[in-house]
Amino acid sequence: MSPPRTPSGGTGRPRRRPSEPDGFDPTAPLTSARPTVGDVDVAALLRDLVALHEKGGDPYVHRMPEPEPDLALGVLRHAKVHNHRLRPAAVRKQAALIRTKLWRHLEERAPVEQSAGAEDALDAGAELAELAEPLALSSNEPADKRKVKGAVHNKLKRLKGAALGTDADGRPLRLTPQAVRAAEESYAKAERAALARTRAALAEQEAVRARARELLARREQIEANDTADEYGELWAAFWLEHIATLLRGPDGEEDSEPSETRQTALASAVDALTRHLGKTKPVAGGEP
């Protein structure tokens, strides 16, 4: 028996999109990374391209723009127009291969730059609908115009995903709005966690430095009340001098931005002196 049909002619069964098979997760990472040309030294390739045009006898090479990344389009346009003038064929071939690689690199960079341009436009007050034409999403059909904002939103998410490349765990990012949104949230969470760790580290660093300043302020009292160990060594003076050296910068003033190594050494010295004072009687005027 056939299923009942709806007034619109359908069977009433929910239809699954062909692009979404059973079990499809739009947020799942890709199983393999998209092929790219990898890291490209654009300036070096442009210099090589200019050199090949010089070597190949391009009579108009003097008109070629400087081989600077900001002038890459001008260099590439010249190379295309005058490639046929290069001799021998090996030089012509190598120049064409470099052009191909540079264009591929620019193609891979395009989503990054498009995404940045769109974000700048939105930051400047542009509406989503205003981005439809620059992103080639405009439509003259009234029915489609109602969908333009959604199309722009999804396009921006895909561009953002291409710019990100991977999720926060370094896995190839699927270019679906859901996956990109999840990746953005994951990156934001990781950034907040990193900021929290930085703030905690700075607070701990300042606590160590405050303790160091407090110990140095009582230097005379601490040294006067120090007792020698079984080997006759007076460790308070040693650690206080070490702390004073680590706390000061090259100009003799307190170093406001110590290196990580210097800060770690200061924390160790303060800890060592604190433990040493814990083994001796309290100093008059303050806790050890």
C-alpha atoms as a PDB file:
ATOM      1  CA  MET A   1       0.000   0.000   0.000  1.00  0.00           C
ATOM      2  CA  SER A   2       1.376   3.397  -0.997  1.00  0.00           C
ATOM      3  CA  PRO A   3       1.823   6.056   1.714  1.00  0.00           C
ATOM      4  CA  PRO A   4      -0.812   8.828   1.760  1.00  0.00           C
ATOM      5  CA  ARG A   5       0.045  11.886  -0.273  1.00  0.00           C
ATOM      6  CA  THR A   6      -0.097  15.425   1.051  1.00  0.00           C
ATOM      7  CA  PRO A   7      -2.150  18.193  -0.622  1.00  0.00           C
ATOM      8  CA  SER A   8       1.033  19.416  -2.268  1.00  0.00           C
ATOM      9  CA  GLY A   9       1.593  16.035  -3.838  1.00  0.00           C
ATOM     10  CA  GLY A  10       4.254  14.714  -1.469  1.00  0.00           C
ATOM     11  CA  THR A  11       4.164  11.535   0.551  1.00  0.00           C
ATOM     12  CA  GLY A  12       4.682  13.274   3.879  1.00  0.00           C
ATOM     13  CA  ARG A  13       8.023  11.557   4.429  1.00  0.00           C
ATOM     14  CA  PRO A  14      10.903  13.864   5.371  1.00  0.00           C
ATOM     15  CA  ARG A  15      13.325  13.999   2.492  1.00  0.00           C
ATOM     16  CA  ARG A  16      17.043  13.820   3.125  1.00  0.00           C
ATOM     17  CA  ARG A  17      19.344  16.028   1.119  1.00  0.00           C
ATOM     18  CA  PRO A  18      21.519  13.997  -1.279  1.00  0.00           C
ATOM     19  CA  SER A  19      24.605  15.706   0.141  1.00  0.00           C
ATOM     20  CA  GLU A  20      23.781  14.579   3.687  1.00  0.00           C
ATOM     21  CA  PRO A  21      23.863  10.771   3.956  1.00  0.00           C
ATOM     22  CA  ASP A  22      22.739   8.948   7.080  1.00  0.00           C
ATOM     23  CA  GLY A  23      25.126   9.634   9.960  1.00  0.00           C
ATOM     24  CA  PHE A  24      26.568  12.767   8.331  1.00  0.00           C
ATOM     25  CA  ASP A  25      28.031  15.176  10.880  1.00  0.00           C
ATOM     26  CA  PRO A  26      28.495  18.669   9.407  1.00  0.00           C
ATOM     27  CA  THR A  27      30.910  19.568  12.214  1.00  0.00           C
ATOM     28  CA  ALA A  28      33.189  16.530  11.816  1.00  0.00           C
ATOM     29  CA  PRO A  29      36.756  17.315  10.677  1.00  0.00           C
ATOM     30  CA  LEU A  30      37.942  16.147   7.282  1.00  0.00           C
ATOM     31  CA  THR A  31      39.884  12.893   7.159  1.00  0.00           C
ATOM     32  CA  SER A  32      42.699  14.494   5.169  1.00  0.00           C
ATOM     33  CA  ALA A  33      43.973  18.005   4.611  1.00  0.00           C
ATOM     34  CA  ARG A  34      43.260  19.852   1.384  1.00  0.00           C
ATOM     35  CA  PRO A  35      46.285  19.895  -0.942  1.00  0.00           C
ATOM     36  CA  THR A  36      48.138  23.211  -0.959  1.00  0.00           C
ATOM     37  CA  VAL A  37      51.424  24.507  -2.316  1.00  0.00           C
ATOM     38  CA  GLY A  38      52.519  24.994   1.288  1.00  0.00           C
ATOM     39  CA  ASP A  39      54.730  27.819   2.488  1.00  0.00           C
ATOM     40  CA  VAL A  40      55.712  30.035  -0.418  1.00  0.00           C
ATOM     41  CA  ASP A  41      58.454  32.661  -0.430  1.00  0.00           C
ATOM     42  CA  VAL A  42      56.642  35.032  -2.770  1.00  0.00           C
ATOM     43  CA  ALA A  43      59.471  37.561  -2.915  1.00  0.00           C
ATOM     44  CA  ALA A  44      62.007  34.871  -3.844  1.00  0.00           C
ATOM     45  CA  LEU A  45      59.766  33.455  -6.585  1.00  0.00           C
ATOM     46  CA  LEU A  46      59.169  36.922  -8.008  1.00  0.00           C
ATOM     47  CA  ARG A  47      62.912  37.569  -8.073  1.00  0.00           C
ATOM     48  CA  ASP A  48      63.418  34.255  -9.870  1.00  0.00           C
ATOM     49  CA  LEU A  49      60.736  35.187 -12.391  1.00  0.00           C
ATOM     50  CA  VAL A  50      62.337  38.557 -13.140  1.00  0.00           C
ATOM     51  CA  ALA A  51      65.748  36.887 -13.427  1.00  0.00           C
ATOM     52  CA  LEU A  52      64.365  34.383 -15.938  1.00  0.00           C
ATOM     53  CA  HIS A  53      62.960  37.198 -18.063  1.00  0.00           C
ATOM     54  CA  GLU A  54      66.364  38.867 -17.994  1.00  0.00           C
ATOM     55  CA  LYS A  55      68.100  35.602 -18.871  1.00  0.00           C
ATOM     56  CA  GLY A  56      65.532  34.727 -21.544  1.00  0.00           C
ATOM     57  CA  GLY A  57      66.026  37.970 -23.449  1.00  0.00           C
ATOM     58  CA  ASP A  58      62.740  39.740 -22.685  1.00  0.00           C
ATOM     59  CA  PRO A  59      63.323  43.108 -24.423  1.00  0.00           C
ATOM     60  CA  TYR A  60      60.810  44.799 -22.128  1.00  0.00           C
ATOM     61  CA  VAL A  61      62.105  43.422 -18.850  1.00  0.00           C
ATOM     62  CA  HIS A  62      63.000  46.978 -17.792  1.00  0.00           C
ATOM     63  CA  ARG A  63      59.245  47.666 -17.636  1.00  0.00           C
ATOM     64  CA  MET A  64      58.667  44.823 -15.195  1.00  0.00           C
ATOM     65  CA  PRO A  65      57.615  46.007 -11.708  1.00  0.00           C
ATOM     66  CA  GLU A  66      59.991  45.440  -8.825  1.00  0.00           C
ATOM     67  CA  PRO A  67      59.805  41.842  -7.528  1.00  0.00           C
ATOM     68  CA  GLU A  68      58.009  42.833  -4.332  1.00  0.00           C
ATOM     69  CA  PRO A  69      55.008  40.900  -2.931  1.00  0.00           C
ATOM     70  CA  ASP A  70      52.846  44.040  -3.056  1.00  0.00           C
ATOM     71  CA  LEU A  71      53.547  44.294  -6.794  1.00  0.00           C
ATOM     72  CA  ALA A  72      53.037  40.597  -7.542  1.00  0.00           C
ATOM     73  CA  LEU A  73      50.044  41.129  -9.842  1.00  0.00           C
ATOM     74  CA  GLY A  74      51.991  43.537 -12.029  1.00  0.00           C
ATOM     75  CA  VAL A  75      54.923  41.131 -12.280  1.00  0.00           C
ATOM     76  CA  LEU A  76      52.603  38.250 -13.162  1.00  0.00           C
ATOM     77  CA  ARG A  77      50.766  40.256 -15.807  1.00  0.00           C
ATOM     78  CA  HIS A  78      54.037  41.234 -17.471  1.00  0.00           C
ATOM     79  CA  ALA A  79      55.299  37.650 -17.293  1.00  0.00           C
ATOM     80  CA  LYS A  80      52.149  36.365 -18.992  1.00  0.00           C
ATOM     81  CA  VAL A  81      52.222  38.909 -21.814  1.00  0.00           C
ATOM     82  CA  HIS A  82      55.921  38.471 -22.584  1.00  0.00           C
ATOM     83  CA  ASN A  83      56.430  34.784 -21.815  1.00  0.00           C
ATOM     84  CA  HIS A  84      56.520  33.933 -25.552  1.00  0.00           C
ATOM     85  CA  ARG A  85      59.614  36.121 -26.013  1.00  0.00           C
ATOM     86  CA  LEU A  86      61.787  34.008 -23.715  1.00  0.00           C
ATOM     87  CA  ARG A  87      64.480  31.746 -25.147  1.00  0.00           C
ATOM     88  CA  PRO A  88      65.348  28.917 -24.909  1.00  0.00           C
ATOM     89  CA  ALA A  89      62.247  26.836 -24.202  1.00  0.00           C
ATOM     90  CA  ALA A  90      63.680  25.654 -20.868  1.00  0.00           C
ATOM     91  CA  VAL A  91      63.694  29.238 -19.581  1.00  0.00           C
ATOM     92  CA  ARG A  92      60.173  29.814 -20.908  1.00  0.00           C
ATOM     93  CA  LYS A  93      58.981  26.628 -19.208  1.00  0.00           C
ATOM     94  CA  GLN A  94      60.519  27.503 -15.848  1.00  0.00           C
ATOM     95  CA  ALA A  95      59.034  31.006 -15.927  1.00  0.00           C
ATOM     96  CA  ALA A  96      55.591  29.573 -16.693  1.00  0.00           C
ATOM     97  CA  LEU A  97      55.884  27.060 -13.846  1.00  0.00           C
ATOM     98  CA  ILE A  98      56.740  29.829 -11.398  1.00  0.00           C
ATOM     99  CA  ARG A  99      53.753  31.841 -12.612  1.00  0.00           C
ATOM    100  CA  THR A 100      51.508  28.838 -12.082  1.00  0.00           C
ATOM    101  CA  LYS A 101      52.766  28.316  -8.536  1.00  0.00           C
ATOM    102  CA  LEU A 102      52.356  31.981  -7.655  1.00  0.00           C
ATOM    103  CA  TRP A 103      48.798  32.055  -8.978  1.00  0.00           C
ATOM    104  CA  ARG A 104      47.977  28.923  -7.005  1.00  0.00           C
ATOM    105  CA  HIS A 105      49.357  30.577  -3.874  1.00  0.00           C
ATOM    106  CA  LEU A 106      47.264  33.695  -4.531  1.00  0.00           C
ATOM    107  CA  GLU A 107      44.205  31.500  -5.076  1.00  0.00           C
ATOM    108  CA  GLU A 108      44.770  29.878  -1.676  1.00  0.00           C
ATOM    109  CA  ARG A 109      45.159  33.316  -0.096  1.00  0.00           C
ATOM    110  CA  ALA A 110      41.963  34.657  -1.686  1.00  0.00           C
ATOM    111  CA  PRO A 111      39.542  33.300   0.983  1.00  0.00           C
ATOM    112  CA  VAL A 112      41.717  34.799   3.718  1.00  0.00           C
ATOM    113  CA  GLU A 113      41.693  38.227   2.092  1.00  0.00           C
ATOM    114  CA  GLN A 114      37.988  38.018   1.179  1.00  0.00           C
ATOM    115  CA  SER A 115      37.128  37.116   4.761  1.00  0.00           C
ATOM    116  CA  ALA A 116      39.234  39.991   6.100  1.00  0.00           C
ATOM    117  CA  GLY A 117      37.613  42.442   3.680  1.00  0.00           C
ATOM    118  CA  ALA A 118      34.120  41.305   4.612  1.00  0.00           C
ATOM    119  CA  GLU A 119      34.884  41.580   8.339  1.00  0.00           C
ATOM    120  CA  ASP A 120      36.226  45.110   7.830  1.00  0.00           C
ATOM    121  CA  ALA A 121      33.068  46.029   5.916  1.00  0.00           C
ATOM    122  CA  LEU A 122      30.842  44.654   8.682  1.00  0.00           C
ATOM    123  CA  ASP A 123      32.904  46.449  11.327  1.00  0.00           C
ATOM    124  CA  ALA A 124      32.354  49.664   9.360  1.00  0.00           C
ATOM    125  CA  GLY A 125      28.579  49.182   9.521  1.00  0.00           C
ATOM    126  CA  ALA A 126      27.822  47.256   6.330  1.00  0.00           C
ATOM    127  CA  GLU A 127      24.697  45.094   6.277  1.00  0.00           C
ATOM    128  CA  LEU A 128      24.917  41.457   5.233  1.00  0.00           C
ATOM    129  CA  ALA A 129      22.866  42.218   2.130  1.00  0.00           C
ATOM    130  CA  GLU A 130      25.461  44.776   1.019  1.00  0.00           C
ATOM    131  CA  LEU A 131      28.067  42.009   0.803  1.00  0.00           C
ATOM    132  CA  ALA A 132      25.994  39.984  -1.634  1.00  0.00           C
ATOM    133  CA  GLU A 133      27.264  41.789  -4.737  1.00  0.00           C
ATOM    134  CA  PRO A 134      30.994  41.716  -3.799  1.00  0.00           C
ATOM    135  CA  LEU A 135      30.642  38.006  -3.012  1.00  0.00           C
ATOM    136  CA  ALA A 136      28.752  37.334  -6.269  1.00  0.00           C
ATOM    137  CA  LEU A 137      25.593  36.307  -4.425  1.00  0.00           C
ATOM    138  CA  SER A 138      23.215  38.908  -5.848  1.00  0.00           C
ATOM    139  CA  SER A 139      19.997  37.879  -7.506  1.00  0.00           C
ATOM    140  CA  ASN A 140      17.400  39.711  -9.556  1.00  0.00           C
ATOM    141  CA  GLU A 141      14.691  37.282  -8.506  1.00  0.00           C
ATOM    142  CA  PRO A 142      12.471  38.727  -5.712  1.00  0.00           C
ATOM    143  CA  ALA A 143      12.013  35.279  -4.160  1.00  0.00           C
ATOM    144  CA  ASP A 144      15.774  34.788  -3.980  1.00  0.00           C
ATOM    145  CA  LYS A 145      16.419  38.192  -2.428  1.00  0.00           C
ATOM    146  CA  ARG A 146      14.805  36.970   0.770  1.00  0.00           C
ATOM    147  CA  LYS A 147      17.495  34.317   0.986  1.00  0.00           C
ATOM    148  CA  VAL A 148      20.435  36.593   0.224  1.00  0.00           C
ATOM    149  CA  LYS A 149      21.283  37.341   3.853  1.00  0.00           C
ATOM    150  CA  GLY A 150      21.386  33.655   4.697  1.00  0.00           C
ATOM    151  CA  ALA A 151      23.513  32.947   1.644  1.00  0.00           C
ATOM    152  CA  VAL A 152      25.946  35.718   2.590  1.00  0.00           C
ATOM    153  CA  HIS A 153      26.135  34.429   6.151  1.00  0.00           C
ATOM    154  CA  ASN A 154      26.946  30.903   4.968  1.00  0.00           C
ATOM    155  CA  LYS A 155      29.460  32.199   2.428  1.00  0.00           C
ATOM    156  CA  LEU A 156      31.256  34.207   5.105  1.00  0.00           C
ATOM    157  CA  LYS A 157      31.418  31.127   7.312  1.00  0.00           C
ATOM    158  CA  ARG A 158      32.959  29.102   4.479  1.00  0.00           C
ATOM    159  CA  LEU A 159      35.491  31.852   3.783  1.00  0.00           C
ATOM    160  CA  LYS A 160      36.323  32.003   7.478  1.00  0.00           C
ATOM    161  CA  GLY A 161      36.755  28.236   7.511  1.00  0.00           C
ATOM    162  CA  ALA A 162      39.113  28.381   4.539  1.00  0.00           C
ATOM    163  CA  ALA A 163      41.083  31.120   6.287  1.00  0.00           C
ATOM    164  CA  LEU A 164      41.313  29.069   9.498  1.00  0.00           C
ATOM    165  CA  GLY A 165      42.218  25.862   7.676  1.00  0.00           C
ATOM    166  CA  THR A 166      42.095  23.702  10.801  1.00  0.00           C
ATOM    167  CA  ASP A 167      40.115  23.477  14.003  1.00  0.00           C
ATOM    168  CA  ALA A 168      41.630  24.273  17.399  1.00  0.00           C
ATOM    169  CA  ASP A 169      43.030  20.728  17.570  1.00  0.00           C
ATOM    170  CA  GLY A 170      44.858  21.119  14.247  1.00  0.00           C
ATOM    171  CA  ARG A 171      42.486  18.885  12.255  1.00  0.00           C
ATOM    172  CA  PRO A 172      41.445  19.840   8.684  1.00  0.00           C
ATOM    173  CA  LEU A 173      38.311  21.945   8.967  1.00  0.00           C
ATOM    174  CA  ARG A 174      35.165  21.022   7.076  1.00  0.00           C
ATOM    175  CA  LEU A 175      33.777  24.108   5.316  1.00  0.00           C
ATOM    176  CA  THR A 176      30.235  23.906   6.634  1.00  0.00           C
ATOM    177  CA  PRO A 177      28.716  26.766   8.650  1.00  0.00           C
ATOM    178  CA  GLN A 178      28.233  24.383  11.590  1.00  0.00           C
ATOM    179  CA  ALA A 179      31.865  23.208  11.565  1.00  0.00           C
ATOM    180  CA  VAL A 180      33.235  26.735  11.217  1.00  0.00           C
ATOM    181  CA  ARG A 181      31.018  28.002  14.036  1.00  0.00           C
ATOM    182  CA  ALA A 182      32.207  25.143  16.268  1.00  0.00           C
ATOM    183  CA  ALA A 183      35.829  25.885  15.342  1.00  0.00           C
ATOM    184  CA  GLU A 184      35.418  29.584  16.125  1.00  0.00           C
ATOM    185  CA  GLU A 185      33.939  28.710  19.520  1.00  0.00           C
ATOM    186  CA  SER A 186      36.789  26.271  20.143  1.00  0.00           C
ATOM    187  CA  TYR A 187      39.410  28.869  19.189  1.00  0.00           C
ATOM    188  CA  ALA A 188      37.715  31.451  21.405  1.00  0.00           C
ATOM    189  CA  LYS A 189      37.667  28.988  24.306  1.00  0.00           C
ATOM    190  CA  ALA A 190      41.353  28.201  23.804  1.00  0.00           C
ATOM    191  CA  GLU A 191      42.144  31.917  23.641  1.00  0.00           C
ATOM    192  CA  ARG A 192      40.246  32.562  26.881  1.00  0.00           C
ATOM    193  CA  ALA A 193      42.100  29.690  28.553  1.00  0.00           C
ATOM    194  CA  ALA A 194      45.445  31.035  27.338  1.00  0.00           C
ATOM    195  CA  LEU A 195      44.540  34.509  28.604  1.00  0.00           C
ATOM    196  CA  ALA A 196      43.572  33.064  31.983  1.00  0.00           C
ATOM    197  CA  ARG A 197      46.897  31.220  32.178  1.00  0.00           C
ATOM    198  CA  THR A 198      48.758  34.403  31.273  1.00  0.00           C
ATOM    199  CA  ARG A 199      46.927  36.397  33.927  1.00  0.00           C
ATOM    200  CA  ALA A 200      47.573  33.700  36.525  1.00  0.00           C
ATOM    201  CA  ALA A 201      51.257  33.623  35.585  1.00  0.00           C
ATOM    202  CA  LEU A 202      51.498  37.417  35.827  1.00  0.00           C
ATOM    203  CA  ALA A 203      49.770  37.381  39.218  1.00  0.00           C
ATOM    204  CA  GLU A 204      52.149  34.690  40.435  1.00  0.00           C
ATOM    205  CA  GLN A 205      55.092  36.624  39.031  1.00  0.00           C
ATOM    206  CA  GLU A 206      54.031  39.786  40.845  1.00  0.00           C
ATOM    207  CA  ALA A 207      53.502  37.833  44.079  1.00  0.00           C
ATOM    208  CA  VAL A 208      57.064  36.486  43.848  1.00  0.00           C
ATOM    209  CA  ARG A 209      58.458  39.952  43.166  1.00  0.00           C
ATOM    210  CA  ALA A 210      56.460  41.445  46.052  1.00  0.00           C
ATOM    211  CA  ARG A 211      57.842  38.752  48.367  1.00  0.00           C
ATOM    212  CA  ALA A 212      61.362  39.475  47.077  1.00  0.00           C
ATOM    213  CA  ARG A 213      60.976  43.203  47.772  1.00  0.00           C
ATOM    214  CA  GLU A 214      59.615  42.459  51.246  1.00  0.00           C
ATOM    215  CA  LEU A 215      62.595  40.229  52.056  1.00  0.00           C
ATOM    216  CA  LEU A 216      65.089  42.818  50.799  1.00  0.00           C
ATOM    217  CA  ALA A 217      63.375  45.534  52.876  1.00  0.00           C
ATOM    218  CA  ARG A 218      64.239  43.453  55.987  1.00  0.00           C
ATOM    219  CA  ARG A 219      67.677  42.473  54.752  1.00  0.00           C
ATOM    220  CA  GLU A 220      69.625  43.780  57.763  1.00  0.00           C
ATOM    221  CA  GLN A 221      67.293  42.105  60.263  1.00  0.00           C
ATOM    222  CA  ILE A 222      67.333  38.810  58.384  1.00  0.00           C
ATOM    223  CA  GLU A 223      71.116  38.726  58.092  1.00  0.00           C
ATOM    224  CA  ALA A 224      71.557  39.737  61.754  1.00  0.00           C
ATOM    225  CA  ASN A 225      69.334  36.883  62.934  1.00  0.00           C
ATOM    226  CA  ASP A 226      70.710  34.239  60.586  1.00  0.00           C
ATOM    227  CA  THR A 227      72.384  31.198  62.081  1.00  0.00           C
ATOM    228  CA  ALA A 228      75.112  29.151  60.495  1.00  0.00           C
ATOM    229  CA  ASP A 229      74.423  25.613  59.313  1.00  0.00           C
ATOM    230  CA  GLU A 230      76.474  22.587  60.322  1.00  0.00           C
ATOM    231  CA  TYR A 231      79.165  23.673  57.879  1.00  0.00           C
ATOM    232  CA  GLY A 232      79.334  27.208  59.243  1.00  0.00           C
ATOM    233  CA  GLU A 233      77.613  28.753  56.204  1.00  0.00           C
ATOM    234  CA  LEU A 234      75.301  31.786  56.515  1.00  0.00           C
ATOM    235  CA  TRP A 235      72.826  31.235  53.697  1.00  0.00           C
ATOM    236  CA  ALA A 236      70.530  34.225  54.262  1.00  0.00           C
ATOM    237  CA  ALA A 237      73.129  36.714  53.000  1.00  0.00           C
ATOM    238  CA  PHE A 238      73.825  34.545  49.946  1.00  0.00           C
ATOM    239  CA  TRP A 239      70.176  34.234  48.934  1.00  0.00           C
ATOM    240  CA  LEU A 240      69.417  37.899  49.627  1.00  0.00           C
ATOM    241  CA  GLU A 241      72.266  38.999  47.367  1.00  0.00           C
ATOM    242  CA  HIS A 242      71.107  36.567  44.694  1.00  0.00           C
ATOM    243  CA  ILE A 243      67.533  37.908  44.959  1.00  0.00           C
ATOM    244  CA  ALA A 244      68.742  41.514  44.736  1.00  0.00           C
ATOM    245  CA  THR A 245      70.740  40.692  41.592  1.00  0.00           C
ATOM    246  CA  LEU A 246      67.811  38.939  39.922  1.00  0.00           C
ATOM    247  CA  LEU A 247      65.364  41.703  40.836  1.00  0.00           C
ATOM    248  CA  ARG A 248      67.513  44.428  39.292  1.00  0.00           C
ATOM    249  CA  GLY A 249      67.792  45.077  35.583  1.00  0.00           C
ATOM    250  CA  PRO A 250      70.964  45.988  33.661  1.00  0.00           C
ATOM    251  CA  ASP A 251      70.598  49.635  34.757  1.00  0.00           C
ATOM    252  CA  GLY A 252      70.509  48.701  38.430  1.00  0.00           C
ATOM    253  CA  GLU A 253      66.792  49.462  38.737  1.00  0.00           C
ATOM    254  CA  GLU A 254      64.116  46.849  39.305  1.00  0.00           C
ATOM    255  CA  ASP A 255      63.468  45.004  36.048  1.00  0.00           C
ATOM    256  CA  SER A 256      59.765  45.480  35.226  1.00  0.00           C
ATOM    257  CA  GLU A 257      59.818  42.930  32.398  1.00  0.00           C
ATOM    258  CA  PRO A 258      62.166  40.111  33.415  1.00  0.00           C
ATOM    259  CA  SER A 259      62.791  37.201  31.094  1.00  0.00           C
ATOM    260  CA  GLU A 260      61.133  33.885  31.856  1.00  0.00           C
ATOM    261  CA  THR A 261      64.503  32.430  32.870  1.00  0.00           C
ATOM    262  CA  ARG A 262      65.214  35.346  35.214  1.00  0.00           C
ATOM    263  CA  GLN A 263      61.745  35.167  36.761  1.00  0.00           C
ATOM    264  CA  THR A 264      62.051  31.413  37.321  1.00  0.00           C
ATOM    265  CA  ALA A 265      65.430  31.904  38.978  1.00  0.00           C
ATOM    266  CA  LEU A 266      63.985  34.647  41.205  1.00  0.00           C
ATOM    267  CA  ALA A 267      61.099  32.403  42.278  1.00  0.00           C
ATOM    268  CA  SER A 268      63.572  29.624  43.127  1.00  0.00           C
ATOM    269  CA  ALA A 269      65.749  32.009  45.155  1.00  0.00           C
ATOM    270  CA  VAL A 270      62.778  33.424  47.080  1.00  0.00           C
ATOM    271  CA  ASP A 271      61.551  29.891  47.788  1.00  0.00           C
ATOM    272  CA  ALA A 272      65.003  28.792  48.953  1.00  0.00           C
ATOM    273  CA  LEU A 273      65.370  31.762  51.306  1.00  0.00           C
ATOM    274  CA  THR A 274      61.837  31.294  52.661  1.00  0.00           C
ATOM    275  CA  ARG A 275      62.553  27.627  53.401  1.00  0.00           C
ATOM    276  CA  HIS A 276      65.878  28.592  55.029  1.00  0.00           C
ATOM    277  CA  LEU A 277      64.173  31.150  57.255  1.00  0.00           C
ATOM    278  CA  GLY A 278      61.634  28.532  58.249  1.00  0.00           C
ATOM    279  CA  LYS A 279      64.460  26.542  59.796  1.00  0.00           C
ATOM    280  CA  THR A 280      65.665  29.505  61.875  1.00  0.00           C
ATOM    281  CA  LYS A 281      63.970  31.504  64.573  1.00  0.00           C
ATOM    282  CA  PRO A 282      61.561  34.257  63.385  1.00  0.00           C
ATOM    283  CA  VAL A 283      63.074  37.649  62.637  1.00  0.00           C
ATOM    284  CA  ALA A 284      61.934  40.464  64.903  1.00  0.00           C
ATOM    285  CA  GLY A 285      59.528  42.797  63.118  1.00  0.00           C
ATOM    286  CA  GLY A 286      58.004  40.288  60.724  1.00  0.00           C
ATOM    287  CA  GLU A 287      57.328  36.714  59.731  1.00  0.00           C
ATOM    288  CA  PRO A 288      60.144  34.738  58.063  1.00  0.00           C
END
